[in-house]
Amino acid sequence: MSVKDYHGKLDVENGRVDLSHGSGGRAMAQLISGLFHQAFGNEWLARCNDQSAFEVAAGRMVMTTDGYVVSPLFFPGGNIGSLAVHGTINDVVMAGARPLYLSASFIIEEGFRFSDLRTIAQSMGAAARGAGVYIITGDTKVVERGKADGLFISTTGIGVLADGLDLSADKARIGDRVLVSGSLGDHGVAIMSTRQNAALQVEIVSDSASLHDLVAVMVAAGGRGIHVMRDPTRGGLAATLNEIAHQSGLGFRLQEAAIPVKPAVAATCELLGLDPIHVANEGKLVAIVAPGVADAVLAAMKGHPLGCDAADIGEAVADDHKFVQVATSFGGGRIVDWLSGEQLPRIC
């Protein structure tokens, strides 16, 4: 996004992106200065360089990158832009880090409405400002009609990690408690119900949100007793715990009755033939914490607006098979494995 303002004016209300907006010429300059700079405006972008230089705090840095291809682009509770910012910030903060800066790259299909692009960019700017984060560099490409599904976004996030924190799946220990920050499956069901025009009496809204404040209060309460944090996005809680199990060499035993799921989400999952613990979330986290700090961390989570429905749902156990087991209230149970990716639409 290294262009000067050429004082051209986009017809944002009625216009559409064409190939010239990715050509590096005047039209591209007008797009970047008249739309993206307006939405993201900050001192770094104002310099109009090909990169951004920023101060680095003492200590370890955290970096992550992600791509977003969600369909539909707009859904109850957000859009691809807010999702990209929230998702990338959350990947940074799952290390216990404080997020600082983002980059954003856009692949736009020819014919995409400027008005929709402006809405998406504005939502990205608002989401970043809400987390105290700046989008300081980026890139824009335009591809021919039919070669992209409207818009794809790729983001990179950078944060700084406090001394003493080293959260990693291989830190999980037998007896650790499994905490979730709230009801599961909201985002995935919001996407799927929109795609399939499901006739629901209650609209299900995506849980897309930045978890930086929630993580900060958790770290303050649990410190080094927090061993792992993950945001259960694609594949939901099931995929996340299977990943941690294989990385740690442990298993997990969960209590189904303790897993929070909203009635409307549970009903929609039943209608679609899905298990809520396989469905994606974009504003929830799972934490594996030492039993000695579990109560304090859970209380801190419940005291935060994004953790008011937090729950202790199980424990880490010795298991050479590295199974994730879910026990029912009737004395039975099941082993939860990864879900085949073909069974779910693009939800992030």
Protein backbone atom coordinates (compact mmCIF):
# COMPACT_ATOMS: atom_id res chain seq x y z
CA MET A 1 0.00 0.00 0.00
CA SER A 2 2.80 2.33 -0.94
CA VAL A 3 1.04 4.93 -3.06
CA LYS A 4 0.48 8.65 -2.82
CA ASP A 5 -3.01 10.11 -2.95
CA TYR A 6 -3.68 11.04 -6.59
CA HIS A 7 -6.79 12.96 -5.55
CA GLY A 8 -8.96 10.78 -7.73
CA LYS A 9 -12.35 9.83 -6.37
CA LEU A 10 -13.80 6.36 -6.49
CA ASP A 11 -17.48 5.88 -7.21
CA VAL A 12 -17.78 3.80 -4.05
CA GLU A 13 -21.56 3.69 -4.04
CA ASN A 14 -22.03 2.39 -7.58
CA GLY A 15 -18.62 1.33 -8.89
CA ARG A 16 -16.90 -2.03 -9.15
CA VAL A 17 -13.32 -3.21 -9.08
CA ASP A 18 -11.77 -3.78 -12.51
CA LEU A 19 -8.38 -5.08 -13.58
CA SER A 20 -6.90 -1.58 -13.69
CA HIS A 21 -7.26 -1.40 -9.89
CA GLY A 22 -4.54 -4.01 -9.58
CA SER A 23 -2.25 -2.74 -12.32
CA GLY A 24 -0.06 -0.43 -10.24
CA GLY A 25 -1.27 2.72 -11.94
CA ARG A 26 -3.53 5.65 -11.11
CA ALA A 27 -6.65 3.51 -10.56
CA MET A 28 -4.83 1.34 -8.05
CA ALA A 29 -3.53 4.43 -6.25
CA GLN A 30 -7.07 5.78 -6.03
CA LEU A 31 -8.34 2.47 -4.64
CA ILE A 32 -5.66 2.27 -1.95
CA SER A 33 -5.71 5.90 -0.87
CA GLY A 34 -9.45 6.40 -1.22
CA LEU A 35 -10.60 3.18 0.41
CA PHE A 36 -7.97 1.25 2.37
CA HIS A 37 -6.13 4.24 3.82
CA GLN A 38 -9.45 5.75 4.81
CA ALA A 39 -10.42 2.58 6.67
CA PHE A 40 -7.06 1.76 8.27
CA GLY A 41 -5.53 5.25 8.55
CA ASN A 42 -2.50 5.49 10.83
CA GLU A 43 0.94 7.05 10.87
CA TRP A 44 2.63 4.03 9.26
CA LEU A 45 0.32 3.86 6.24
CA ALA A 46 0.47 7.65 5.88
CA ARG A 47 4.17 7.37 4.94
CA CYS A 48 3.18 5.42 1.79
CA ASN A 49 6.21 3.13 1.81
CA ASP A 50 6.47 -0.44 0.54
CA GLN A 51 6.99 -1.56 4.12
CA SER A 52 6.58 -0.22 7.64
CA ALA A 53 9.29 0.19 10.26
CA PHE A 54 8.24 -0.07 13.89
CA GLU A 55 9.81 -0.16 17.34
CA VAL A 56 10.48 -3.60 18.82
CA ALA A 57 9.94 -4.14 22.53
CA ALA A 58 12.46 -6.07 24.59
CA GLY A 59 11.72 -9.77 24.83
CA ARG A 60 10.40 -12.41 22.48
CA MET A 61 8.19 -11.58 19.52
CA VAL A 62 5.30 -13.70 18.27
CA MET A 63 4.33 -13.90 14.60
CA THR A 64 1.51 -15.69 12.79
CA THR A 65 -0.08 -15.66 9.35
CA ASP A 66 -3.44 -16.80 8.04
CA GLY A 67 -5.65 -16.77 4.96
CA TYR A 68 -9.41 -16.21 4.84
CA VAL A 69 -11.65 -17.64 2.12
CA VAL A 70 -14.97 -17.71 3.97
CA SER A 71 -18.21 -18.07 2.02
CA PRO A 72 -20.46 -16.14 2.33
CA LEU A 73 -18.39 -13.00 2.79
CA PHE A 74 -21.06 -11.45 5.04
CA PHE A 75 -22.72 -13.40 7.83
CA PRO A 76 -24.64 -12.68 11.06
CA GLY A 77 -22.14 -11.14 13.45
CA GLY A 78 -19.44 -10.09 11.00
CA ASN A 79 -17.80 -10.44 7.62
CA ILE A 80 -14.55 -11.68 6.12
CA GLY A 81 -12.77 -8.47 7.18
CA SER A 82 -13.57 -8.51 10.89
CA LEU A 83 -13.00 -12.26 10.85
CA ALA A 84 -9.50 -11.85 9.39
CA VAL A 85 -8.50 -9.33 12.06
CA HIS A 86 -10.02 -11.25 14.97
CA GLY A 87 -8.62 -14.58 13.81
CA THR A 88 -5.07 -13.32 13.37
CA ILE A 89 -5.07 -11.43 16.66
CA ASN A 90 -6.34 -14.56 18.40
CA ASP A 91 -3.54 -16.69 16.95
CA VAL A 92 -1.05 -14.22 18.43
CA VAL A 93 -2.68 -14.04 21.85
CA MET A 94 -2.94 -17.84 22.19
CA ALA A 95 0.78 -17.63 23.01
CA GLY A 96 -0.08 -15.24 25.85
CA ALA A 97 1.30 -12.36 23.77
CA ARG A 98 0.09 -8.79 23.37
CA PRO A 99 -0.84 -8.10 19.72
CA LEU A 100 0.75 -5.05 18.11
CA TYR A 101 0.64 -4.92 14.31
CA LEU A 102 -1.03 -6.56 11.33
CA SER A 103 -0.43 -6.72 7.60
CA ALA A 104 -3.29 -7.36 5.18
CA SER A 105 -3.20 -8.66 1.62
CA PHE A 106 -6.27 -8.65 -0.63
CA ILE A 107 -6.99 -10.76 -3.70
CA ILE A 108 -10.07 -9.16 -5.27
CA GLU A 109 -12.16 -10.58 -8.10
CA GLU A 110 -12.91 -8.30 -11.03
CA GLY A 111 -16.42 -6.92 -10.67
CA PHE A 112 -16.44 -6.83 -6.87
CA ARG A 113 -18.53 -3.93 -5.55
CA PHE A 114 -16.60 -1.00 -4.06
CA SER A 115 -19.37 -0.55 -1.50
CA ASP A 116 -18.89 -4.11 -0.21
CA LEU A 117 -15.11 -3.67 -0.19
CA ARG A 118 -15.47 -0.46 1.80
CA THR A 119 -17.73 -2.17 4.35
CA ILE A 120 -15.23 -5.00 4.75
CA ALA A 121 -12.25 -2.63 5.06
CA GLN A 122 -14.07 -0.46 7.58
CA SER A 123 -14.91 -3.48 9.68
CA MET A 124 -11.23 -4.49 9.62
CA GLY A 125 -10.17 -1.03 10.76
CA ALA A 126 -12.75 -1.02 13.55
CA ALA A 127 -11.76 -4.50 14.73
CA ALA A 128 -8.07 -3.57 14.77
CA ARG A 129 -8.65 -0.32 16.65
CA GLY A 130 -10.83 -2.15 19.15
CA ALA A 131 -7.88 -4.37 20.00
CA GLY A 132 -5.33 -1.56 20.04
CA VAL A 133 -3.68 -3.00 16.93
CA TYR A 134 -2.60 -1.23 13.73
CA ILE A 135 -2.75 -2.48 10.15
CA ILE A 136 0.55 -1.02 8.98
CA THR A 137 1.25 -2.56 5.56
CA GLY A 138 -0.49 -4.55 2.88
CA ASP A 139 -0.93 -5.50 -0.75
CA THR A 140 -3.73 -5.55 -3.32
CA LYS A 141 -4.16 -7.80 -6.34
CA VAL A 142 -7.07 -8.05 -8.78
CA VAL A 143 -7.78 -11.27 -10.69
CA GLU A 144 -10.06 -11.90 -13.65
CA ARG A 145 -13.76 -12.51 -13.14
CA GLY A 146 -14.41 -16.11 -12.11
CA LYS A 147 -10.90 -16.71 -10.72
CA ALA A 148 -11.72 -15.87 -7.10
CA ASP A 149 -14.85 -16.11 -5.01
CA GLY A 150 -15.24 -12.35 -4.62
CA LEU A 151 -12.48 -11.65 -2.13
CA PHE A 152 -9.70 -13.48 -0.31
CA ILE A 153 -7.72 -11.90 2.53
CA SER A 154 -4.37 -12.92 3.99
CA THR A 155 -3.12 -11.38 7.22
CA THR A 156 0.01 -11.54 9.32
CA GLY A 157 0.14 -10.57 12.98
CA ILE A 158 2.99 -9.59 15.28
CA GLY A 159 2.95 -9.39 19.06
CA VAL A 160 5.25 -9.33 22.06
CA LEU A 161 5.45 -12.04 24.72
CA ALA A 162 5.90 -11.36 28.42
CA ASP A 163 8.85 -12.91 30.23
CA GLY A 164 8.19 -16.32 31.79
CA LEU A 165 5.42 -17.45 29.45
CA ASP A 166 6.01 -20.44 27.20
CA LEU A 167 2.65 -21.85 26.16
CA SER A 168 2.91 -24.94 23.99
CA ALA A 169 1.01 -28.20 23.49
CA ASP A 170 3.96 -30.25 24.72
CA LYS A 171 3.60 -28.52 28.11
CA ALA A 172 0.29 -30.29 28.87
CA ARG A 173 0.51 -32.63 31.87
CA ILE A 174 -1.60 -35.46 33.27
CA GLY A 175 -4.30 -34.03 35.51
CA ASP A 176 -4.46 -30.65 33.76
CA ARG A 177 -7.96 -29.24 33.48
CA VAL A 178 -9.59 -28.40 30.15
CA LEU A 179 -11.32 -25.01 30.17
CA VAL A 180 -13.40 -23.49 27.38
CA SER A 181 -14.36 -19.82 27.32
CA GLY A 182 -17.98 -20.27 26.26
CA SER A 183 -20.57 -21.90 24.03
CA LEU A 184 -19.23 -23.85 21.07
CA GLY A 185 -20.17 -23.91 17.40
CA ASP A 186 -21.70 -20.43 17.06
CA HIS A 187 -19.54 -19.25 14.17
CA GLY A 188 -19.71 -22.39 12.07
CA VAL A 189 -23.47 -22.70 12.49
CA ALA A 190 -23.96 -19.01 11.63
CA ILE A 191 -22.04 -19.59 8.38
CA MET A 192 -23.75 -22.86 7.51
CA SER A 193 -27.26 -21.62 8.29
CA THR A 194 -26.65 -18.57 6.07
CA ARG A 195 -25.34 -20.70 3.22
CA GLN A 196 -28.18 -23.18 3.41
CA ASN A 197 -30.88 -20.59 4.21
CA ALA A 198 -31.87 -22.63 7.23
CA ALA A 199 -35.26 -21.60 8.56
CA LEU A 200 -34.46 -20.85 12.19
CA GLN A 201 -36.71 -19.22 14.73
CA VAL A 202 -33.66 -17.66 16.41
CA GLU A 203 -30.85 -16.12 14.37
CA ILE A 204 -27.48 -17.60 15.28
CA VAL A 205 -24.74 -14.98 15.34
CA SER A 206 -21.05 -15.66 14.82
CA ASP A 207 -18.93 -15.39 17.96
CA SER A 208 -16.11 -13.68 16.01
CA ALA A 209 -14.20 -11.51 18.49
CA SER A 210 -10.70 -10.59 19.59
CA LEU A 211 -9.68 -12.45 22.74
CA HIS A 212 -6.75 -10.25 23.79
CA ASP A 213 -8.42 -8.85 26.92
CA LEU A 214 -9.75 -12.23 28.02
CA VAL A 215 -6.31 -13.81 27.65
CA ALA A 216 -4.73 -10.97 29.64
CA VAL A 217 -6.98 -11.60 32.66
CA MET A 218 -6.39 -15.34 32.38
CA VAL A 219 -2.63 -14.91 32.35
CA ALA A 220 -2.84 -12.55 35.32
CA ALA A 221 -4.79 -15.20 37.25
CA GLY A 222 -2.92 -18.33 36.19
CA GLY A 223 0.55 -17.29 35.03
CA ARG A 224 2.80 -20.26 34.29
CA GLY A 225 0.04 -22.60 35.40
CA ILE A 226 -1.53 -22.06 31.97
CA HIS A 227 0.20 -24.66 29.81
CA VAL A 228 -1.62 -24.41 26.47
CA MET A 229 -4.15 -22.08 24.82
CA ARG A 230 -5.73 -22.58 21.42
CA ASP A 231 -8.64 -21.06 19.54
CA PRO A 232 -10.76 -23.96 18.24
CA THR A 233 -11.43 -22.71 14.72
CA ARG A 234 -11.55 -25.18 11.82
CA GLY A 235 -12.59 -28.60 13.10
CA GLY A 236 -13.76 -27.09 16.37
CA LEU A 237 -12.92 -28.38 19.84
CA ALA A 238 -12.49 -31.93 18.56
CA ALA A 239 -9.71 -31.06 16.11
CA THR A 240 -8.00 -28.75 18.62
CA LEU A 241 -7.86 -31.35 21.39
CA ASN A 242 -6.75 -34.07 18.98
CA GLU A 243 -3.88 -31.83 17.88
CA ILE A 244 -2.87 -31.17 21.49
CA ALA A 245 -3.18 -34.86 22.35
CA HIS A 246 -0.82 -35.87 19.55
CA GLN A 247 1.65 -33.12 20.38
CA SER A 248 1.66 -33.86 24.12
CA GLY A 249 1.38 -37.64 24.02
CA LEU A 250 -1.64 -37.50 26.36
CA GLY A 251 -5.36 -38.14 26.03
CA PHE A 252 -8.33 -36.09 27.15
CA ARG A 253 -11.46 -37.17 28.97
CA LEU A 254 -14.36 -34.74 28.64
CA GLN A 255 -17.78 -34.61 30.26
CA GLU A 256 -20.41 -34.03 27.58
CA ALA A 257 -22.85 -32.43 30.02
CA ALA A 258 -20.25 -29.79 30.92
CA ILE A 259 -19.61 -28.65 27.33
CA PRO A 260 -21.56 -25.40 26.73
CA VAL A 261 -23.63 -25.35 23.54
CA LYS A 262 -26.55 -23.00 22.87
CA PRO A 263 -29.87 -24.76 22.27
CA ALA A 264 -30.27 -23.18 18.82
CA VAL A 265 -26.79 -24.31 17.83
CA ALA A 266 -27.43 -27.83 19.11
CA ALA A 267 -30.73 -27.98 17.20
CA THR A 268 -29.17 -26.75 13.96
CA CYS A 269 -26.29 -29.20 14.27
CA GLU A 270 -28.80 -32.02 14.74
CA LEU A 271 -30.67 -30.83 11.64
CA LEU A 272 -27.42 -30.77 9.63
CA GLY A 273 -26.10 -34.04 11.05
CA LEU A 274 -23.13 -32.47 12.85
CA ASP A 275 -21.64 -32.66 16.32
CA PRO A 276 -21.14 -29.16 17.82
CA ILE A 277 -17.65 -30.03 19.04
CA HIS A 278 -16.58 -30.45 15.39
CA VAL A 279 -17.90 -27.01 14.40
CA ALA A 280 -15.69 -23.93 14.09
CA ASN A 281 -15.49 -21.05 16.56
CA GLU A 282 -13.93 -17.62 16.05
CA GLY A 283 -14.30 -16.02 19.48
CA LYS A 284 -13.65 -18.89 21.86
CA LEU A 285 -10.57 -20.51 23.33
CA VAL A 286 -9.62 -23.74 25.04
CA ALA A 287 -7.00 -23.67 27.80
CA ILE A 288 -5.12 -26.59 29.34
CA VAL A 289 -4.19 -25.48 32.85
CA ALA A 290 -2.62 -26.95 35.98
CA PRO A 291 -5.26 -28.11 38.49
CA GLY A 292 -3.83 -25.80 41.14
CA VAL A 293 -4.77 -22.68 39.16
CA ALA A 294 -7.85 -23.96 37.31
CA ASP A 295 -10.39 -22.44 39.67
CA ALA A 296 -8.68 -19.04 39.65
CA VAL A 297 -8.39 -19.00 35.86
CA LEU A 298 -12.00 -20.11 35.42
CA ALA A 299 -13.20 -17.39 37.81
CA ALA A 300 -11.22 -14.79 35.85
CA MET A 301 -12.76 -16.02 32.61
CA LYS A 302 -16.29 -15.88 34.01
CA GLY A 303 -15.66 -12.30 35.13
CA HIS A 304 -14.98 -11.18 31.56
CA PRO A 305 -17.77 -10.53 29.01
CA LEU A 306 -16.21 -12.96 26.52
CA GLY A 307 -15.89 -15.68 29.15
CA CYS A 308 -19.11 -15.44 31.12
CA ASP A 309 -20.16 -18.92 29.95
CA ALA A 310 -16.73 -20.48 30.53
CA ALA A 311 -16.65 -24.05 31.81
CA ASP A 312 -14.32 -26.75 33.08
CA ILE A 313 -15.15 -29.64 30.76
CA GLY A 314 -12.58 -32.33 31.52
CA GLU A 315 -8.97 -33.30 32.13
CA ALA A 316 -5.79 -34.54 30.51
CA VAL A 317 -5.13 -38.24 31.13
CA ALA A 318 -2.43 -40.79 30.43
CA ASP A 319 -3.33 -42.52 27.18
CA ASP A 320 -0.89 -44.18 24.82
CA HIS A 321 -3.51 -43.99 22.07
CA LYS A 322 -3.87 -40.21 22.56
CA PHE A 323 -7.66 -40.44 22.40
CA VAL A 324 -10.13 -37.64 23.08
CA GLN A 325 -13.01 -39.31 24.93
CA VAL A 326 -16.39 -37.76 25.68
CA ALA A 327 -18.34 -39.32 28.55
CA THR A 328 -22.13 -38.98 28.56
CA SER A 329 -24.34 -38.47 31.59
CA PHE A 330 -25.78 -41.97 30.99
CA GLY A 331 -22.48 -43.70 31.70
CA GLY A 332 -21.50 -44.28 28.08
CA GLY A 333 -19.06 -42.39 25.93
CA ARG A 334 -17.40 -42.02 22.56
CA ILE A 335 -13.99 -41.38 21.09
CA VAL A 336 -13.81 -38.12 19.14
CA ASP A 337 -11.47 -38.01 16.15
CA TRP A 338 -10.76 -35.39 13.51
CA LEU A 339 -13.67 -34.71 11.18
CA SER A 340 -13.12 -35.04 7.45
CA GLY A 341 -12.73 -31.58 5.94
CA GLU A 342 -15.09 -32.42 3.08
CA GLN A 343 -18.01 -32.45 5.50
CA LEU A 344 -17.91 -28.71 6.21
CA PRO A 345 -18.08 -25.60 3.99
CA ARG A 346 -15.50 -22.82 3.95
CA ILE A 347 -16.12 -21.20 7.31
CA CYS A 348 -12.99 -19.11 7.86
